[in-house]
Amino acid sequence: MNNSDKNLSVLQIEEELTKSKRLLVQALAEKESLLRGNELARFVPNKGGQVEFFAQALSYLRCVFSGNRFGKSTAGVVEDASWLLGFRPFYPEGHLLRYAGIPEDGVKGVVIASTWEKVEDIFVREGDPSVDDRVGKMFKYLPAANITSTARNQHGVISRINVSSVIKGRVRNSILCFNTVRSFLTNPLGQESSDWDFVHVDEPIPEEMWNAIARGLMDRGGKSWWLMTPLSEPWMFHAASNMEISSPDKCWTYIGDTDENITLSEENKENYFSTLSEDELACRKSGKPIALSRLVVSNFDRNKHVLRGTPIGWSSPLVPPKEFMICIATDTHPQTPHATLKVAVSPRGDIFVYGERFQKGQSRDQIRLRSIF
């Protein structure tokens, strides 16, 4: 073989290699496109709160109170989509959680956000999930082939998605609706007439709104999941905590930290969290309800904890029974008035705060004496 033949062979090999590389890149791109179009099937829950959220699929109420960017909306949408389809595709056939808690027949569910702008931005922004990272989470995780139609409200936002699937040889038709806190505040009675198989609460909502919506769960024996950063509506944390204590088989709660989302860089987290106050940090990173960090008594309720009139057995609102133990505490301050608190403790442990005094410029002993006498 002469040199020209050798050169030709080398060129042919290089051309074939280039062609093969091009085909490989194209195949990988097509595979990635297919995978991105089937995000639900390849979803992997974060270790910790997300894993536990799906593991508690049989609970009537599942609550995640978490920091920002924990992945709460994603977990909620994945569960929504799974209920609409009739199974959780990211668990293999035979896995206990593939069908756990999901009705065999089609379902009707609702997702509640704060405003219609949030509904569009988080859930229903349209686009092709195979090429667009900004597409709404519902269209990212709900396979397009299963969406039969959508409807818009007067704001032009998608407010209803109809879904069809085939489960075990049966056609299954489901409906997903969206609603907002703002809509409730405008028309409170608008929540009263609907019935639901599931309710997904994505942000804190007024107690009156929950009472109206939860009524619709009774008709279908439905379930609910609350996933939120608890910046407001402390009643939700108290209700969930009390229910978990009284009915642990029906309610599951979880306090989630932003650090559970392993996709976030430490630098980006530090840049954001370093700007927050201590209260905001506890809420936006660690999921602690912000209202609780501002109260000495975390579950204080004026209607429940403030007595009016004379307590039973007391001679007057300021004179407890003799068998009560009296405790006095003084908190001194160099500038603001000193604060003294008087507490009466009954023999069975009931605590009554019945006196307080704010006095500036005196010694602690003088204040205590004035409080006693």
Protein backbone atom coordinates (compact mmCIF):
# COMPACT_ATOMS: atom_id res chain seq x y z
CA MET A 1 0.00 0.00 0.00
CA ASN A 2 1.47 3.35 -1.05
CA ASN A 3 1.37 6.54 0.98
CA SER A 4 -1.65 7.96 -0.86
CA ASP A 5 -3.67 4.83 -0.07
CA LYS A 6 -2.63 5.05 3.58
CA ASN A 7 -3.65 8.72 3.75
CA LEU A 8 -7.01 7.88 2.17
CA SER A 9 -7.63 5.14 4.73
CA VAL A 10 -6.83 7.50 7.59
CA LEU A 11 -9.20 10.12 6.19
CA GLN A 12 -11.95 7.55 5.80
CA ILE A 13 -11.47 6.39 9.39
CA GLU A 14 -11.56 9.98 10.66
CA GLU A 15 -14.73 10.65 8.67
CA GLU A 16 -16.36 7.53 10.07
CA LEU A 17 -15.34 8.50 13.60
CA THR A 18 -16.72 12.01 13.11
CA LYS A 19 -19.96 10.58 11.74
CA SER A 20 -20.21 8.13 14.64
CA LYS A 21 -19.59 10.89 17.18
CA ARG A 22 -22.28 13.01 15.52
CA LEU A 23 -24.76 10.14 15.66
CA LEU A 24 -23.86 9.45 19.30
CA VAL A 25 -24.36 13.09 20.27
CA GLN A 26 -27.69 13.10 18.42
CA ALA A 27 -28.79 9.88 20.13
CA LEU A 28 -27.82 11.22 23.56
CA ALA A 29 -29.72 14.44 22.88
CA GLU A 30 -32.80 12.46 21.83
CA LYS A 31 -32.51 10.30 24.94
CA GLU A 32 -32.22 13.36 27.16
CA SER A 33 -35.25 14.87 25.42
CA LEU A 34 -37.26 11.71 26.03
CA LEU A 35 -36.18 11.56 29.65
CA ARG A 36 -37.02 15.21 30.24
CA GLY A 37 -40.43 14.53 28.71
CA ASN A 38 -40.96 11.79 31.29
CA GLU A 39 -39.79 13.50 34.47
CA LEU A 40 -42.32 11.74 36.67
CA ALA A 41 -40.99 8.27 35.92
CA ARG A 42 -37.40 9.26 36.70
CA PHE A 43 -38.18 11.38 39.76
CA VAL A 44 -36.01 10.51 42.78
CA PRO A 45 -37.21 11.83 46.18
CA ASN A 46 -34.63 13.64 48.30
CA LYS A 47 -33.53 11.65 51.32
CA GLY A 48 -35.37 12.81 54.40
CA GLY A 49 -38.62 14.71 54.09
CA GLN A 50 -39.51 13.82 50.50
CA VAL A 51 -38.88 10.10 51.03
CA GLU A 52 -40.98 10.15 54.21
CA PHE A 53 -43.73 12.17 52.53
CA PHE A 54 -44.36 9.42 49.98
CA ALA A 55 -43.86 6.67 52.56
CA GLN A 56 -46.79 8.14 54.55
CA ALA A 57 -49.14 7.76 51.58
CA LEU A 58 -51.95 6.24 53.67
CA SER A 59 -52.24 9.22 56.06
CA TYR A 60 -55.33 11.40 55.85
CA LEU A 61 -53.19 14.53 56.27
CA ARG A 62 -49.50 14.93 55.43
CA CYS A 63 -47.79 18.19 56.38
CA VAL A 64 -44.35 19.48 55.48
CA PHE A 65 -43.32 22.77 57.09
CA SER A 66 -40.01 23.58 55.47
CA GLY A 67 -37.48 26.20 54.51
CA ASN A 68 -37.29 27.78 51.07
CA ARG A 69 -36.15 25.59 48.17
CA PHE A 70 -36.69 22.42 50.18
CA GLY A 71 -38.54 20.85 47.25
CA LYS A 72 -42.00 21.04 48.80
CA SER A 73 -43.88 22.21 45.70
CA THR A 74 -42.13 19.55 43.62
CA ALA A 75 -43.11 16.80 46.06
CA GLY A 76 -46.69 18.04 46.09
CA VAL A 77 -46.92 18.19 42.30
CA VAL A 78 -45.41 14.72 41.93
CA GLU A 79 -48.09 13.38 44.28
CA ASP A 80 -50.80 15.32 42.41
CA ALA A 81 -49.68 13.89 39.08
CA SER A 82 -49.47 10.38 40.51
CA TRP A 83 -53.03 10.56 41.81
CA LEU A 84 -54.24 11.87 38.46
CA LEU A 85 -52.55 8.96 36.65
CA GLY A 86 -53.47 6.33 39.24
CA PHE A 87 -49.97 5.25 40.28
CA ARG A 88 -46.49 6.52 41.12
CA PRO A 89 -44.34 5.72 38.06
CA PHE A 90 -41.08 6.35 39.92
CA TYR A 91 -41.68 3.24 42.04
CA PRO A 92 -41.32 -0.08 40.17
CA GLU A 93 -44.17 -2.52 39.67
CA GLY A 94 -44.58 -4.53 42.85
CA HIS A 95 -43.36 -1.74 45.15
CA LEU A 96 -45.73 -1.10 48.06
CA LEU A 97 -45.87 2.65 47.33
CA ARG A 98 -46.63 2.41 43.62
CA TYR A 99 -50.39 2.42 44.23
CA ALA A 100 -50.59 3.09 48.00
CA GLY A 101 -53.49 5.34 49.00
CA ILE A 102 -54.49 6.21 45.42
CA PRO A 103 -58.12 5.37 44.47
CA GLU A 104 -58.62 2.91 41.60
CA ASP A 105 -61.20 5.16 39.94
CA GLY A 106 -60.52 8.61 38.53
CA VAL A 107 -60.05 11.43 41.01
CA LYS A 108 -60.86 15.10 41.40
CA GLY A 109 -58.27 17.25 43.15
CA VAL A 110 -57.44 20.88 43.84
CA VAL A 111 -54.18 22.77 44.32
CA ILE A 112 -54.31 25.96 46.40
CA ALA A 113 -51.77 28.75 45.98
CA SER A 114 -51.73 32.35 47.18
CA THR A 115 -52.57 34.09 43.88
CA TRP A 116 -53.27 33.25 40.24
CA GLU A 117 -49.88 34.71 39.37
CA LYS A 118 -48.32 32.05 41.59
CA VAL A 119 -50.48 29.34 40.03
CA GLU A 120 -49.20 30.27 36.59
CA ASP A 121 -45.59 30.80 37.61
CA ILE A 122 -45.19 27.64 39.70
CA PHE A 123 -47.64 25.14 38.24
CA VAL A 124 -49.10 25.83 34.80
CA ARG A 125 -46.69 27.97 32.79
CA GLU A 126 -46.87 26.41 29.34
CA GLY A 127 -43.91 25.14 27.35
CA ASP A 128 -42.13 22.00 26.22
CA PRO A 129 -40.53 20.36 29.27
CA SER A 130 -37.99 18.64 27.01
CA VAL A 131 -36.42 21.98 26.07
CA ASP A 132 -37.80 24.61 28.49
CA ASP A 133 -36.65 24.72 32.13
CA ARG A 134 -39.23 27.39 32.99
CA VAL A 135 -42.29 25.27 32.25
CA GLY A 136 -44.74 24.93 35.14
CA LYS A 137 -44.17 21.99 37.47
CA MET A 138 -47.49 20.38 36.61
CA PHE A 139 -46.61 20.26 32.92
CA LYS A 140 -43.09 19.15 33.78
CA TYR A 141 -44.23 16.08 35.70
CA LEU A 142 -47.62 15.25 34.19
CA PRO A 143 -47.03 13.41 30.87
CA ALA A 144 -48.40 15.43 27.95
CA ALA A 145 -49.85 12.27 26.40
CA ASN A 146 -52.21 11.92 29.36
CA ILE A 147 -53.55 15.50 29.28
CA THR A 148 -56.80 15.51 27.32
CA SER A 149 -57.75 19.19 27.74
CA THR A 150 -57.30 22.34 29.82
CA ALA A 151 -59.52 25.29 30.73
CA ARG A 152 -58.71 28.88 31.66
CA ASN A 153 -60.35 31.28 34.08
CA GLN A 154 -61.23 34.94 33.60
CA HIS A 155 -57.60 35.87 34.31
CA GLY A 156 -56.40 33.78 31.38
CA VAL A 157 -54.65 31.31 33.70
CA ILE A 158 -55.12 27.56 33.34
CA SER A 159 -57.46 26.62 36.19
CA ARG A 160 -58.39 23.06 35.19
CA ILE A 161 -56.57 20.10 33.66
CA ASN A 162 -58.34 16.95 32.48
CA VAL A 163 -56.30 13.75 32.53
CA SER A 164 -56.90 10.26 31.15
CA SER A 165 -54.93 7.08 31.81
CA VAL A 166 -55.33 3.33 31.53
CA ILE A 167 -54.77 1.36 34.73
CA LYS A 168 -55.03 -2.43 34.69
CA GLY A 169 -56.98 -2.32 31.45
CA ARG A 170 -59.46 0.33 32.64
CA VAL A 171 -59.74 3.88 31.36
CA ARG A 172 -59.40 6.33 34.23
CA ASN A 173 -60.45 9.99 33.87
CA SER A 174 -59.35 12.59 36.42
CA ILE A 175 -59.66 16.34 36.98
CA LEU A 176 -57.25 18.80 38.58
CA CYS A 177 -58.44 22.27 39.58
CA PHE A 178 -56.58 25.28 40.96
CA ASN A 179 -57.73 27.85 43.49
CA THR A 180 -56.21 30.75 45.40
CA VAL A 181 -56.34 32.46 48.77
CA ARG A 182 -57.10 35.73 47.02
CA SER A 183 -60.16 34.19 45.37
CA PHE A 184 -61.40 32.99 48.75
CA LEU A 185 -60.98 36.42 50.32
CA THR A 186 -62.99 37.89 47.46
CA ASN A 187 -65.74 35.25 47.60
CA PRO A 188 -65.61 33.04 50.73
CA LEU A 189 -68.75 31.10 49.80
CA GLY A 190 -67.21 30.00 46.50
CA GLN A 191 -65.38 27.16 48.28
CA GLU A 192 -68.43 25.56 49.85
CA SER A 193 -69.98 23.50 47.03
CA SER A 194 -67.11 21.37 45.72
CA ASP A 195 -66.09 17.83 46.64
CA TRP A 196 -62.52 16.52 46.39
CA ASP A 197 -60.49 13.33 46.44
CA PHE A 198 -57.38 15.31 47.35
CA VAL A 199 -56.43 18.82 48.39
CA HIS A 200 -52.87 20.09 47.91
CA VAL A 201 -52.16 23.26 49.94
CA ASP A 202 -48.98 24.91 48.64
CA GLU A 203 -48.86 27.98 50.89
CA PRO A 204 -50.46 28.99 54.21
CA ILE A 205 -54.21 29.61 53.96
CA PRO A 206 -56.81 31.11 56.34
CA GLU A 207 -58.48 28.64 58.69
CA GLU A 208 -61.89 29.60 57.34
CA MET A 209 -60.78 28.64 53.83
CA TRP A 210 -59.54 25.26 54.98
CA ASN A 211 -62.79 24.59 56.84
CA ALA A 212 -64.77 25.30 53.68
CA ILE A 213 -62.55 23.17 51.44
CA ALA A 214 -62.06 20.28 53.88
CA ARG A 215 -65.81 19.83 53.95
CA GLY A 216 -65.53 18.60 50.36
CA LEU A 217 -63.14 15.81 51.40
CA MET A 218 -65.89 14.14 53.44
CA ASP A 219 -67.98 13.30 50.39
CA ARG A 220 -65.21 11.27 48.75
CA GLY A 221 -63.19 10.17 51.77
CA GLY A 222 -60.35 12.27 50.41
CA LYS A 223 -56.86 13.07 51.63
CA SER A 224 -54.80 16.24 51.85
CA TRP A 225 -51.18 17.32 51.81
CA TRP A 226 -49.90 20.65 53.08
CA LEU A 227 -46.44 21.69 51.92
CA MET A 228 -45.34 25.20 52.82
CA THR A 229 -42.87 27.63 54.31
CA PRO A 230 -44.77 28.66 57.48
CA LEU A 231 -44.48 32.43 57.20
CA SER A 232 -48.08 32.99 58.31
CA GLU A 233 -51.24 31.22 59.51
CA PRO A 234 -49.77 29.58 62.65
CA TRP A 235 -53.08 27.77 63.17
CA MET A 236 -51.98 25.25 60.52
CA PHE A 237 -48.91 24.16 62.47
CA HIS A 238 -50.92 23.89 65.69
CA ALA A 239 -53.73 21.93 64.00
CA ALA A 240 -51.31 19.50 62.37
CA SER A 241 -49.27 19.04 65.56
CA ASN A 242 -52.37 18.42 67.67
CA MET A 243 -53.79 15.97 65.14
CA GLU A 244 -50.52 14.07 64.93
CA ILE A 245 -50.55 13.66 68.72
CA SER A 246 -54.22 12.69 68.98
CA SER A 247 -54.40 10.60 65.79
CA PRO A 248 -50.89 9.55 64.71
CA ASP A 249 -52.33 7.02 62.26
CA LYS A 250 -54.15 9.80 60.40
CA CYS A 251 -51.66 12.69 60.42
CA TRP A 252 -47.94 12.97 59.68
CA THR A 253 -45.90 16.17 60.03
CA TYR A 254 -42.32 17.00 59.11
CA ILE A 255 -40.08 20.01 59.69
CA GLY A 256 -37.80 20.29 56.67
CA ASP A 257 -34.52 22.14 56.22
CA THR A 258 -33.32 23.75 53.00
CA ASP A 259 -30.12 21.70 53.29
CA GLU A 260 -32.09 18.59 52.31
CA ASN A 261 -32.08 19.92 48.74
CA ILE A 262 -28.63 18.74 47.64
CA THR A 263 -28.84 20.55 44.29
CA LEU A 264 -28.25 23.96 45.92
CA SER A 265 -24.72 25.28 46.27
CA GLU A 266 -23.45 26.28 49.71
CA GLU A 267 -22.35 29.65 48.36
CA ASN A 268 -25.78 30.51 46.97
CA LYS A 269 -27.48 29.47 50.20
CA GLU A 270 -25.06 31.52 52.29
CA ASN A 271 -25.54 34.59 50.08
CA TYR A 272 -29.29 34.49 50.73
CA PHE A 273 -29.48 33.33 54.33
CA SER A 274 -26.85 35.83 55.51
CA THR A 275 -29.31 38.66 54.73
CA LEU A 276 -32.08 37.33 57.00
CA SER A 277 -32.95 38.13 60.59
CA GLU A 278 -32.82 35.34 63.17
CA ASP A 279 -36.59 34.80 63.00
CA GLU A 280 -36.66 34.81 59.21
CA LEU A 281 -33.70 32.43 59.06
CA ALA A 282 -35.37 29.95 61.40
CA CYS A 283 -38.42 29.93 59.15
CA ARG A 284 -36.96 30.26 55.66
CA LYS A 285 -34.15 27.76 56.23
CA SER A 286 -35.26 25.42 58.99
CA GLY A 287 -39.03 25.47 58.56
CA LYS A 288 -39.86 26.80 62.03
CA PRO A 289 -43.16 28.76 61.95
CA ILE A 290 -42.21 32.40 62.14
CA ALA A 291 -45.09 33.24 64.47
CA LEU A 292 -43.77 30.80 67.07
CA SER A 293 -40.37 32.44 67.24
CA ARG A 294 -42.02 35.71 68.26
CA LEU A 295 -44.08 34.35 71.16
CA VAL A 296 -43.03 33.45 74.69
CA VAL A 297 -45.98 31.03 74.73
CA SER A 298 -45.74 29.54 71.26
CA ASN A 299 -49.37 28.46 70.94
CA PHE A 300 -50.90 31.54 72.59
CA ASP A 301 -54.54 32.09 71.67
CA ARG A 302 -56.30 35.06 73.28
CA ASN A 303 -59.72 33.42 73.11
CA LYS A 304 -58.41 30.24 74.74
CA HIS A 305 -55.83 31.48 77.22
CA VAL A 306 -57.24 34.80 78.52
CA LEU A 307 -59.84 34.36 81.29
CA ARG A 308 -62.49 36.99 81.94
CA GLY A 309 -64.02 37.50 85.36
CA THR A 310 -63.07 35.64 88.53
CA PRO A 311 -61.69 32.10 88.18
CA ILE A 312 -63.56 29.35 90.05
CA GLY A 313 -62.41 29.18 93.68
CA TRP A 314 -60.79 32.64 93.67
CA SER A 315 -62.11 35.38 95.95
CA SER A 316 -61.30 37.97 93.27
CA PRO A 317 -59.30 38.13 89.98
CA LEU A 318 -56.26 39.23 92.05
CA VAL A 319 -56.58 36.89 95.06
CA PRO A 320 -55.93 33.20 94.37
CA PRO A 321 -56.87 30.42 96.83
CA LYS A 322 -54.49 29.90 99.76
CA GLU A 323 -53.46 26.43 98.60
CA PHE A 324 -52.04 27.86 95.35
CA MET A 325 -48.28 28.40 95.09
CA ILE A 326 -47.35 31.98 94.20
CA CYS A 327 -44.35 32.62 91.93
CA ILE A 328 -42.88 36.04 91.20
CA ALA A 329 -40.26 36.80 88.55
CA THR A 330 -38.63 40.12 87.69
CA ASP A 331 -36.88 40.97 84.45
CA THR A 332 -34.70 44.07 84.92
CA HIS A 333 -33.61 46.45 82.18
CA PRO A 334 -31.15 49.37 82.22
CA GLN A 335 -33.32 51.65 80.07
CA THR A 336 -36.81 50.26 79.55
CA PRO A 337 -39.11 49.61 82.55
CA HIS A 338 -38.43 46.55 84.69
CA ALA A 339 -41.10 43.84 84.29
CA THR A 340 -42.47 41.77 87.16
CA LEU A 341 -44.83 38.82 86.64
CA LYS A 342 -47.01 37.12 89.28
CA VAL A 343 -48.12 33.53 88.68
CA ALA A 344 -50.38 31.26 90.76
CA VAL A 345 -50.00 27.50 90.37
CA SER A 346 -52.87 25.25 91.47
CA PRO A 347 -52.23 21.95 93.31
CA ARG A 348 -52.90 20.06 90.07
CA GLY A 349 -50.49 22.20 88.04
CA ASP A 350 -52.76 24.75 86.36
CA ILE A 351 -50.92 28.04 85.85
CA PHE A 352 -52.61 31.44 86.20
CA VAL A 353 -50.82 34.66 85.30
CA TYR A 354 -52.72 37.17 87.42
CA GLY A 355 -50.48 40.17 87.92
CA GLU A 356 -47.82 42.15 86.12
CA ARG A 357 -46.06 45.43 86.81
CA PHE A 358 -43.80 47.62 84.69
CA GLN A 359 -41.72 50.04 86.76
CA LYS A 360 -38.69 52.11 85.78
CA GLY A 361 -35.83 53.31 87.97
CA GLN A 362 -36.21 51.09 91.06
CA SER A 363 -34.17 48.20 92.36
CA ARG A 364 -35.27 44.63 91.80
CA ASP A 365 -36.01 44.12 95.53
CA GLN A 366 -38.17 47.23 95.67
CA ILE A 367 -40.17 46.10 92.65
CA ARG A 368 -40.69 42.64 94.13
CA LEU A 369 -41.84 44.10 97.44
CA ARG A 370 -44.33 46.36 95.69
CA SER A 371 -45.56 43.38 93.68
CA ILE A 372 -46.12 41.31 96.84
CA PHE A 373 -47.64 44.03 98.98
